[in-house]
Amino acid sequence: MDEIRRYLDAARSIAALTGAGISAESGIPTFRGLGGLWHQHRPEDLATPQAFARDPLLVWQWYDWRRNLIARARPNPGHFALAEIERRYPFTLITQNVDGLHDLAGSRHLLKVHGDIWTLRCSSCGRERHDPRPNIPDLPPRCTCGALERPGVVWFGESLPADTWRRAEQAARHADLFLVIGTSAAVYPAAGLVDLAKSAGARVIEINIEKTAISPIVDISLRGPAAQILPEIAA
């Protein structure tokens, strides 16, 4: 911990990448751990543009169910520790999570590379709006232009939001210290940020409850919950 704190104090720029693990510590099931089936459908079969075009009501019923699950969760000490690090250091937080828990914890320099489940986006005009209700009354929802709205998340087969991704790459490339928290580092292109940061000379610190594909190449790999380790780092 003393070594990591020295890295923090010496860094001119710090970035972090968070994944489903930090949200799981708040009680949110990981995407691939939702039981495999939902009304006889795999999540991977519902989170696609093709599924939405085929049956928008079914897709929205699944997302409404997910929103209801997420609405019961609260940020854990790991989320709050990252917000505290942001207040004290030059810091950018890049997240693969769509649940909004980093926002609730107070993080503001936040890049959501996979979107936000609380955002609704028109499938025609592209207008976005925030809707914090766990359950949307009339499914599927419609935009003021009359077209169907979709969840504001990145689906399988879609590109990441270009501007957000550009800023995430920039943060990784310019970081002196890069934290990798609660992610298996297996979902690309987000996982490629680790390679980018390391190749640019950053010290890379991993925090995960288990060994991952990047564990052998990082500078420090800490085993344990983010909710326990991050507050110790921020102390």
C-alpha atoms as a PDB file:
ATOM      1  CA  MET A   1       0.000   0.000   0.000  1.00  0.00           C
ATOM      2  CA  ASP A   2       2.836   2.414   0.760  1.00  0.00           C
ATOM      3  CA  GLU A   3       4.295   1.772  -2.688  1.00  0.00           C
ATOM      4  CA  ILE A   4       0.937   2.411  -4.354  1.00  0.00           C
ATOM      5  CA  ARG A   5       0.461   5.639  -2.406  1.00  0.00           C
ATOM      6  CA  ARG A   6       3.890   6.777  -3.584  1.00  0.00           C
ATOM      7  CA  TYR A   7       2.787   6.092  -7.153  1.00  0.00           C
ATOM      8  CA  LEU A   8      -0.354   8.158  -6.541  1.00  0.00           C
ATOM      9  CA  ASP A   9       1.549  11.091  -5.129  1.00  0.00           C
ATOM     10  CA  ALA A  10       4.120  11.056  -7.936  1.00  0.00           C
ATOM     11  CA  ALA A  11       1.601  10.696 -10.783  1.00  0.00           C
ATOM     12  CA  ARG A  12       0.784  13.694 -12.937  1.00  0.00           C
ATOM     13  CA  SER A  13      -2.198  11.852 -14.397  1.00  0.00           C
ATOM     14  CA  ILE A  14      -4.149   8.836 -13.105  1.00  0.00           C
ATOM     15  CA  ALA A  15      -6.794   6.769 -14.868  1.00  0.00           C
ATOM     16  CA  ALA A  16      -8.871   3.786 -13.802  1.00  0.00           C
ATOM     17  CA  LEU A  17     -10.921   1.171 -15.644  1.00  0.00           C
ATOM     18  CA  THR A  18     -13.766  -0.470 -13.727  1.00  0.00           C
ATOM     19  CA  GLY A  19     -15.798  -3.503 -14.670  1.00  0.00           C
ATOM     20  CA  ALA A  20     -18.669  -5.581 -13.383  1.00  0.00           C
ATOM     21  CA  GLY A  21     -16.771  -6.767 -10.304  1.00  0.00           C
ATOM     22  CA  ILE A  22     -17.078  -3.485  -8.416  1.00  0.00           C
ATOM     23  CA  SER A  23     -20.830  -3.421  -9.108  1.00  0.00           C
ATOM     24  CA  ALA A  24     -21.192  -7.049  -8.053  1.00  0.00           C
ATOM     25  CA  GLU A  25     -19.927  -5.981  -4.625  1.00  0.00           C
ATOM     26  CA  SER A  26     -23.019  -3.748  -4.449  1.00  0.00           C
ATOM     27  CA  GLY A  27     -25.268  -6.706  -5.214  1.00  0.00           C
ATOM     28  CA  ILE A  28     -25.684  -6.235  -8.967  1.00  0.00           C
ATOM     29  CA  PRO A  29     -25.346  -9.562 -10.817  1.00  0.00           C
ATOM     30  CA  THR A  30     -22.709  -9.574 -13.535  1.00  0.00           C
ATOM     31  CA  PHE A  31     -24.042  -9.567 -17.086  1.00  0.00           C
ATOM     32  CA  ARG A  32     -22.908 -13.119 -17.710  1.00  0.00           C
ATOM     33  CA  GLY A  33     -24.115 -14.247 -14.285  1.00  0.00           C
ATOM     34  CA  LEU A  34     -27.800 -13.462 -14.585  1.00  0.00           C
ATOM     35  CA  GLY A  35     -28.746 -17.106 -14.559  1.00  0.00           C
ATOM     36  CA  GLY A  36     -28.172 -17.772 -18.241  1.00  0.00           C
ATOM     37  CA  LEU A  37     -31.863 -17.661 -19.065  1.00  0.00           C
ATOM     38  CA  TRP A  38     -34.481 -14.978 -18.782  1.00  0.00           C
ATOM     39  CA  HIS A  39     -37.905 -16.075 -20.014  1.00  0.00           C
ATOM     40  CA  GLN A  40     -36.021 -18.727 -22.031  1.00  0.00           C
ATOM     41  CA  HIS A  41     -33.682 -16.163 -23.589  1.00  0.00           C
ATOM     42  CA  ARG A  42     -29.984 -15.589 -23.103  1.00  0.00           C
ATOM     43  CA  PRO A  43     -28.985 -11.987 -22.312  1.00  0.00           C
ATOM     44  CA  GLU A  44     -26.684 -12.080 -25.338  1.00  0.00           C
ATOM     45  CA  ASP A  45     -29.745 -12.698 -27.529  1.00  0.00           C
ATOM     46  CA  LEU A  46     -31.574  -9.675 -26.166  1.00  0.00           C
ATOM     47  CA  ALA A  47     -28.822  -7.047 -26.136  1.00  0.00           C
ATOM     48  CA  THR A  48     -28.598  -6.618 -29.908  1.00  0.00           C
ATOM     49  CA  PRO A  49     -30.054  -4.235 -32.501  1.00  0.00           C
ATOM     50  CA  GLN A  50     -31.554  -7.260 -34.256  1.00  0.00           C
ATOM     51  CA  ALA A  51     -33.451  -8.328 -31.134  1.00  0.00           C
ATOM     52  CA  PHE A  52     -34.816  -4.805 -30.691  1.00  0.00           C
ATOM     53  CA  ALA A  53     -35.957  -4.655 -34.300  1.00  0.00           C
ATOM     54  CA  ARG A  54     -37.582  -8.078 -33.966  1.00  0.00           C
ATOM     55  CA  ASP A  55     -39.333  -7.597 -30.628  1.00  0.00           C
ATOM     56  CA  PRO A  56     -38.820  -4.209 -28.919  1.00  0.00           C
ATOM     57  CA  LEU A  57     -41.311  -5.021 -26.168  1.00  0.00           C
ATOM     58  CA  LEU A  58     -39.447  -8.177 -25.121  1.00  0.00           C
ATOM     59  CA  VAL A  59     -36.131  -6.308 -25.066  1.00  0.00           C
ATOM     60  CA  TRP A  60     -37.641  -3.506 -22.989  1.00  0.00           C
ATOM     61  CA  GLN A  61     -39.223  -5.958 -20.543  1.00  0.00           C
ATOM     62  CA  TRP A  62     -35.761  -7.402 -19.932  1.00  0.00           C
ATOM     63  CA  TYR A  63     -34.183  -3.959 -19.485  1.00  0.00           C
ATOM     64  CA  ASP A  64     -37.019  -2.904 -17.211  1.00  0.00           C
ATOM     65  CA  TRP A  65     -36.270  -5.978 -15.101  1.00  0.00           C
ATOM     66  CA  ARG A  66     -32.580  -5.069 -15.019  1.00  0.00           C
ATOM     67  CA  ARG A  67     -33.315  -1.433 -14.112  1.00  0.00           C
ATOM     68  CA  ASN A  68     -35.432  -2.652 -11.215  1.00  0.00           C
ATOM     69  CA  LEU A  69     -32.569  -4.841  -9.943  1.00  0.00           C
ATOM     70  CA  ILE A  70     -30.030  -2.041 -10.255  1.00  0.00           C
ATOM     71  CA  ALA A  71     -32.298   0.530  -8.564  1.00  0.00           C
ATOM     72  CA  ARG A  72     -32.053  -1.426  -5.299  1.00  0.00           C
ATOM     73  CA  ALA A  73     -28.241  -1.222  -5.251  1.00  0.00           C
ATOM     74  CA  ARG A  74     -26.152   1.481  -3.632  1.00  0.00           C
ATOM     75  CA  PRO A  75     -22.510   2.492  -4.168  1.00  0.00           C
ATOM     76  CA  ASN A  76     -20.070   0.571  -1.998  1.00  0.00           C
ATOM     77  CA  PRO A  77     -16.886   1.879  -0.321  1.00  0.00           C
ATOM     78  CA  GLY A  78     -14.932   1.149  -3.505  1.00  0.00           C
ATOM     79  CA  HIS A  79     -17.090   3.554  -5.498  1.00  0.00           C
ATOM     80  CA  PHE A  80     -16.715   6.232  -2.838  1.00  0.00           C
ATOM     81  CA  ALA A  81     -12.943   5.712  -2.652  1.00  0.00           C
ATOM     82  CA  LEU A  82     -12.611   6.376  -6.390  1.00  0.00           C
ATOM     83  CA  ALA A  83     -14.617   9.591  -5.990  1.00  0.00           C
ATOM     84  CA  GLU A  84     -12.254  10.579  -3.175  1.00  0.00           C
ATOM     85  CA  ILE A  85      -9.197   9.888  -5.338  1.00  0.00           C
ATOM     86  CA  GLU A  86     -10.731  12.126  -8.001  1.00  0.00           C
ATOM     87  CA  ARG A  87     -11.032  14.968  -5.504  1.00  0.00           C
ATOM     88  CA  ARG A  88      -7.334  14.747  -4.601  1.00  0.00           C
ATOM     89  CA  TYR A  89      -5.540  13.833  -7.841  1.00  0.00           C
ATOM     90  CA  PRO A  90      -5.708  14.483 -11.612  1.00  0.00           C
ATOM     91  CA  PHE A  91      -7.975  11.537 -12.356  1.00  0.00           C
ATOM     92  CA  THR A  92     -10.175  10.059 -15.079  1.00  0.00           C
ATOM     93  CA  LEU A  93     -12.517   7.145 -14.393  1.00  0.00           C
ATOM     94  CA  ILE A  94     -13.377   4.898 -17.328  1.00  0.00           C
ATOM     95  CA  THR A  95     -16.164   2.400 -16.676  1.00  0.00           C
ATOM     96  CA  GLN A  96     -17.643  -0.513 -18.562  1.00  0.00           C
ATOM     97  CA  ASN A  97     -20.599  -0.459 -16.173  1.00  0.00           C
ATOM     98  CA  VAL A  98     -23.959   1.028 -17.145  1.00  0.00           C
ATOM     99  CA  ASP A  99     -25.554   1.087 -13.676  1.00  0.00           C
ATOM    100  CA  GLY A 100     -24.812   4.675 -12.609  1.00  0.00           C
ATOM    101  CA  LEU A 101     -23.291   3.771  -9.230  1.00  0.00           C
ATOM    102  CA  HIS A 102     -20.158   5.820  -9.914  1.00  0.00           C
ATOM    103  CA  ASP A 103     -22.384   8.862 -10.472  1.00  0.00           C
ATOM    104  CA  LEU A 104     -24.195   8.236  -7.192  1.00  0.00           C
ATOM    105  CA  ALA A 105     -20.850   7.986  -5.373  1.00  0.00           C
ATOM    106  CA  GLY A 106     -19.830  11.415  -6.651  1.00  0.00           C
ATOM    107  CA  SER A 107     -17.481  10.658  -9.563  1.00  0.00           C
ATOM    108  CA  ARG A 108     -17.609  13.425 -12.152  1.00  0.00           C
ATOM    109  CA  HIS A 109     -14.600  12.857 -14.450  1.00  0.00           C
ATOM    110  CA  LEU A 110     -16.376   9.774 -15.748  1.00  0.00           C
ATOM    111  CA  LEU A 111     -16.309   8.109 -19.172  1.00  0.00           C
ATOM    112  CA  LYS A 112     -19.028   5.478 -19.739  1.00  0.00           C
ATOM    113  CA  VAL A 113     -17.736   3.460 -22.665  1.00  0.00           C
ATOM    114  CA  HIS A 114     -20.715   1.070 -22.660  1.00  0.00           C
ATOM    115  CA  GLY A 115     -23.391   3.717 -22.109  1.00  0.00           C
ATOM    116  CA  ASP A 116     -25.917   4.247 -19.315  1.00  0.00           C
ATOM    117  CA  ILE A 117     -28.969   2.101 -18.586  1.00  0.00           C
ATOM    118  CA  TRP A 118     -30.777   5.175 -17.214  1.00  0.00           C
ATOM    119  CA  THR A 119     -30.524   6.928 -20.575  1.00  0.00           C
ATOM    120  CA  LEU A 120     -33.162   6.456 -23.264  1.00  0.00           C
ATOM    121  CA  ARG A 121     -32.222   7.207 -26.867  1.00  0.00           C
ATOM    122  CA  CYS A 122     -34.587   7.661 -29.794  1.00  0.00           C
ATOM    123  CA  SER A 123     -34.044   5.041 -32.483  1.00  0.00           C
ATOM    124  CA  SER A 124     -34.881   7.617 -35.146  1.00  0.00           C
ATOM    125  CA  CYS A 125     -33.831  11.171 -34.251  1.00  0.00           C
ATOM    126  CA  GLY A 126     -31.169  10.187 -31.689  1.00  0.00           C
ATOM    127  CA  ARG A 127     -32.551  12.424 -28.914  1.00  0.00           C
ATOM    128  CA  GLU A 128     -31.447  11.255 -25.454  1.00  0.00           C
ATOM    129  CA  ARG A 129     -33.131  11.718 -22.115  1.00  0.00           C
ATOM    130  CA  HIS A 130     -32.487  10.582 -18.562  1.00  0.00           C
ATOM    131  CA  ASP A 131     -35.198   8.490 -16.893  1.00  0.00           C
ATOM    132  CA  PRO A 132     -34.359   7.335 -13.340  1.00  0.00           C
ATOM    133  CA  ARG A 133     -37.561   5.334 -12.783  1.00  0.00           C
ATOM    134  CA  PRO A 134     -36.939   1.642 -12.005  1.00  0.00           C
ATOM    135  CA  ASN A 135     -39.990   0.731 -14.083  1.00  0.00           C
ATOM    136  CA  ILE A 136     -41.130   2.613 -17.171  1.00  0.00           C
ATOM    137  CA  PRO A 137     -44.966   2.721 -17.232  1.00  0.00           C
ATOM    138  CA  ASP A 138     -45.600   2.297 -20.971  1.00  0.00           C
ATOM    139  CA  LEU A 139     -43.398  -0.163 -22.804  1.00  0.00           C
ATOM    140  CA  PRO A 140     -41.843   0.224 -25.238  1.00  0.00           C
ATOM    141  CA  PRO A 141     -41.335   3.970 -24.632  1.00  0.00           C
ATOM    142  CA  ARG A 142     -41.587   6.472 -27.456  1.00  0.00           C
ATOM    143  CA  CYS A 143     -39.793   9.697 -28.247  1.00  0.00           C
ATOM    144  CA  THR A 144     -41.644  12.990 -28.736  1.00  0.00           C
ATOM    145  CA  CYS A 145     -41.053  12.463 -32.464  1.00  0.00           C
ATOM    146  CA  GLY A 146     -43.132   9.269 -32.261  1.00  0.00           C
ATOM    147  CA  ALA A 147     -40.358   6.739 -32.848  1.00  0.00           C
ATOM    148  CA  LEU A 148     -39.399   4.004 -30.396  1.00  0.00           C
ATOM    149  CA  GLU A 149     -36.785   4.754 -27.754  1.00  0.00           C
ATOM    150  CA  ARG A 150     -34.094   2.225 -26.922  1.00  0.00           C
ATOM    151  CA  PRO A 151     -31.821   1.801 -23.883  1.00  0.00           C
ATOM    152  CA  GLY A 152     -28.805   4.100 -24.130  1.00  0.00           C
ATOM    153  CA  VAL A 153     -26.300   1.268 -23.854  1.00  0.00           C
ATOM    154  CA  VAL A 154     -23.883  -0.339 -26.294  1.00  0.00           C
ATOM    155  CA  TRP A 155     -25.254  -3.587 -27.638  1.00  0.00           C
ATOM    156  CA  PHE A 156     -23.404  -6.546 -29.104  1.00  0.00           C
ATOM    157  CA  GLY A 157     -22.313  -5.678 -32.625  1.00  0.00           C
ATOM    158  CA  GLU A 158     -22.317  -1.910 -32.008  1.00  0.00           C
ATOM    159  CA  SER A 159     -19.354   0.442 -31.854  1.00  0.00           C
ATOM    160  CA  LEU A 160     -18.458   2.263 -28.654  1.00  0.00           C
ATOM    161  CA  PRO A 161     -19.418   5.971 -28.586  1.00  0.00           C
ATOM    162  CA  ALA A 162     -16.674   7.592 -30.641  1.00  0.00           C
ATOM    163  CA  ASP A 163     -15.993  10.698 -28.565  1.00  0.00           C
ATOM    164  CA  THR A 164     -16.125   8.843 -25.251  1.00  0.00           C
ATOM    165  CA  TRP A 165     -13.762   6.186 -26.575  1.00  0.00           C
ATOM    166  CA  ARG A 166     -11.345   8.795 -27.928  1.00  0.00           C
ATOM    167  CA  ARG A 167     -11.196  10.444 -24.503  1.00  0.00           C
ATOM    168  CA  ALA A 168     -10.730   7.055 -22.806  1.00  0.00           C
ATOM    169  CA  GLU A 169      -7.787   6.228 -25.063  1.00  0.00           C
ATOM    170  CA  GLN A 170      -6.307   9.647 -24.388  1.00  0.00           C
ATOM    171  CA  ALA A 171      -6.638   9.168 -20.619  1.00  0.00           C
ATOM    172  CA  ALA A 172      -4.966   5.740 -20.810  1.00  0.00           C
ATOM    173  CA  ARG A 173      -2.177   6.997 -23.063  1.00  0.00           C
ATOM    174  CA  HIS A 174      -1.332   9.948 -20.798  1.00  0.00           C
ATOM    175  CA  ALA A 175      -1.668   8.173 -17.439  1.00  0.00           C
ATOM    176  CA  ASP A 176       1.354   7.676 -15.209  1.00  0.00           C
ATOM    177  CA  LEU A 177      -0.727   5.302 -13.084  1.00  0.00           C
ATOM    178  CA  PHE A 178      -3.518   3.060 -14.408  1.00  0.00           C
ATOM    179  CA  LEU A 179      -5.860   1.137 -12.080  1.00  0.00           C
ATOM    180  CA  VAL A 180      -7.768  -1.904 -13.359  1.00  0.00           C
ATOM    181  CA  ILE A 181     -10.626  -2.729 -10.997  1.00  0.00           C
ATOM    182  CA  GLY A 182     -13.110  -5.594 -11.020  1.00  0.00           C
ATOM    183  CA  THR A 183     -12.749  -6.508 -14.663  1.00  0.00           C
ATOM    184  CA  SER A 184     -11.547  -9.716 -16.274  1.00  0.00           C
ATOM    185  CA  ALA A 185      -9.846  -7.620 -18.975  1.00  0.00           C
ATOM    186  CA  ALA A 186     -11.402  -9.932 -21.545  1.00  0.00           C
ATOM    187  CA  VAL A 187     -14.001  -7.656 -23.185  1.00  0.00           C
ATOM    188  CA  TYR A 188     -12.534  -5.661 -26.048  1.00  0.00           C
ATOM    189  CA  PRO A 189     -11.985  -2.972 -27.047  1.00  0.00           C
ATOM    190  CA  ALA A 190     -12.207  -1.687 -23.442  1.00  0.00           C
ATOM    191  CA  ALA A 191      -9.653  -4.228 -22.231  1.00  0.00           C
ATOM    192  CA  GLY A 192      -7.194  -2.859 -24.797  1.00  0.00           C
ATOM    193  CA  LEU A 193      -6.854   0.259 -22.655  1.00  0.00           C
ATOM    194  CA  VAL A 194      -4.647  -1.749 -20.301  1.00  0.00           C
ATOM    195  CA  ASP A 195      -2.223  -2.529 -23.126  1.00  0.00           C
ATOM    196  CA  LEU A 196      -2.336   1.083 -24.266  1.00  0.00           C
ATOM    197  CA  ALA A 197      -1.535   2.452 -20.810  1.00  0.00           C
ATOM    198  CA  LYS A 198       1.277  -0.031 -20.223  1.00  0.00           C
ATOM    199  CA  SER A 199       2.863   0.530 -23.625  1.00  0.00           C
ATOM    200  CA  ALA A 200       2.801   4.281 -22.911  1.00  0.00           C
ATOM    201  CA  GLY A 201       4.814   3.725 -19.727  1.00  0.00           C
ATOM    202  CA  ALA A 202       2.138   3.751 -17.020  1.00  0.00           C
ATOM    203  CA  ARG A 203       2.432   1.672 -13.892  1.00  0.00           C
ATOM    204  CA  VAL A 204      -0.553  -0.676 -13.914  1.00  0.00           C
ATOM    205  CA  ILE A 205      -2.242  -1.890 -10.722  1.00  0.00           C
ATOM    206  CA  GLU A 206      -4.908  -4.579 -10.807  1.00  0.00           C
ATOM    207  CA  ILE A 207      -7.543  -5.074  -8.098  1.00  0.00           C
ATOM    208  CA  ASN A 208      -9.620  -8.218  -8.465  1.00  0.00           C
ATOM    209  CA  ILE A 209     -10.902 -11.073  -6.352  1.00  0.00           C
ATOM    210  CA  GLU A 210      -9.233 -13.580  -8.682  1.00  0.00           C
ATOM    211  CA  LYS A 211      -6.400 -13.897 -11.154  1.00  0.00           C
ATOM    212  CA  THR A 212      -7.106 -12.562 -14.655  1.00  0.00           C
ATOM    213  CA  ALA A 213      -5.452 -12.571 -18.061  1.00  0.00           C
ATOM    214  CA  ILE A 214      -3.553  -9.377 -17.252  1.00  0.00           C
ATOM    215  CA  SER A 215      -2.313 -10.431 -13.803  1.00  0.00           C
ATOM    216  CA  PRO A 216       1.089 -11.628 -15.099  1.00  0.00           C
ATOM    217  CA  ILE A 217       1.824  -8.358 -16.926  1.00  0.00           C
ATOM    218  CA  VAL A 218       0.743  -5.696 -14.419  1.00  0.00           C
ATOM    219  CA  ASP A 219       3.120  -4.032 -11.959  1.00  0.00           C
ATOM    220  CA  ILE A 220       1.044  -4.899  -8.885  1.00  0.00           C
ATOM    221  CA  SER A 221      -1.881  -7.341  -8.668  1.00  0.00           C
ATOM    222  CA  LEU A 222      -3.954  -7.157  -5.496  1.00  0.00           C
ATOM    223  CA  ARG A 223      -6.378  -9.961  -4.624  1.00  0.00           C
ATOM    224  CA  GLY A 224      -9.532  -8.959  -2.804  1.00  0.00           C
ATOM    225  CA  PRO A 225     -12.722  -6.908  -3.006  1.00  0.00           C
ATOM    226  CA  ALA A 226     -12.464  -3.386  -4.392  1.00  0.00           C
ATOM    227  CA  ALA A 227     -14.730  -2.255  -1.559  1.00  0.00           C
ATOM    228  CA  GLN A 228     -11.969  -3.234   0.868  1.00  0.00           C
ATOM    229  CA  ILE A 229      -8.789  -2.397  -1.056  1.00  0.00           C
ATOM    230  CA  LEU A 230      -9.676   0.962  -2.628  1.00  0.00           C
ATOM    231  CA  PRO A 231     -10.497   2.692   0.678  1.00  0.00           C
ATOM    232  CA  GLU A 232      -7.096   1.558   1.988  1.00  0.00           C
ATOM    233  CA  ILE A 233      -5.401   3.088  -1.067  1.00  0.00           C
ATOM    234  CA  ALA A 234      -7.361   6.330  -0.714  1.00  0.00           C
ATOM    235  CA  ALA A 235      -6.785   6.598   3.038  1.00  0.00           C
END
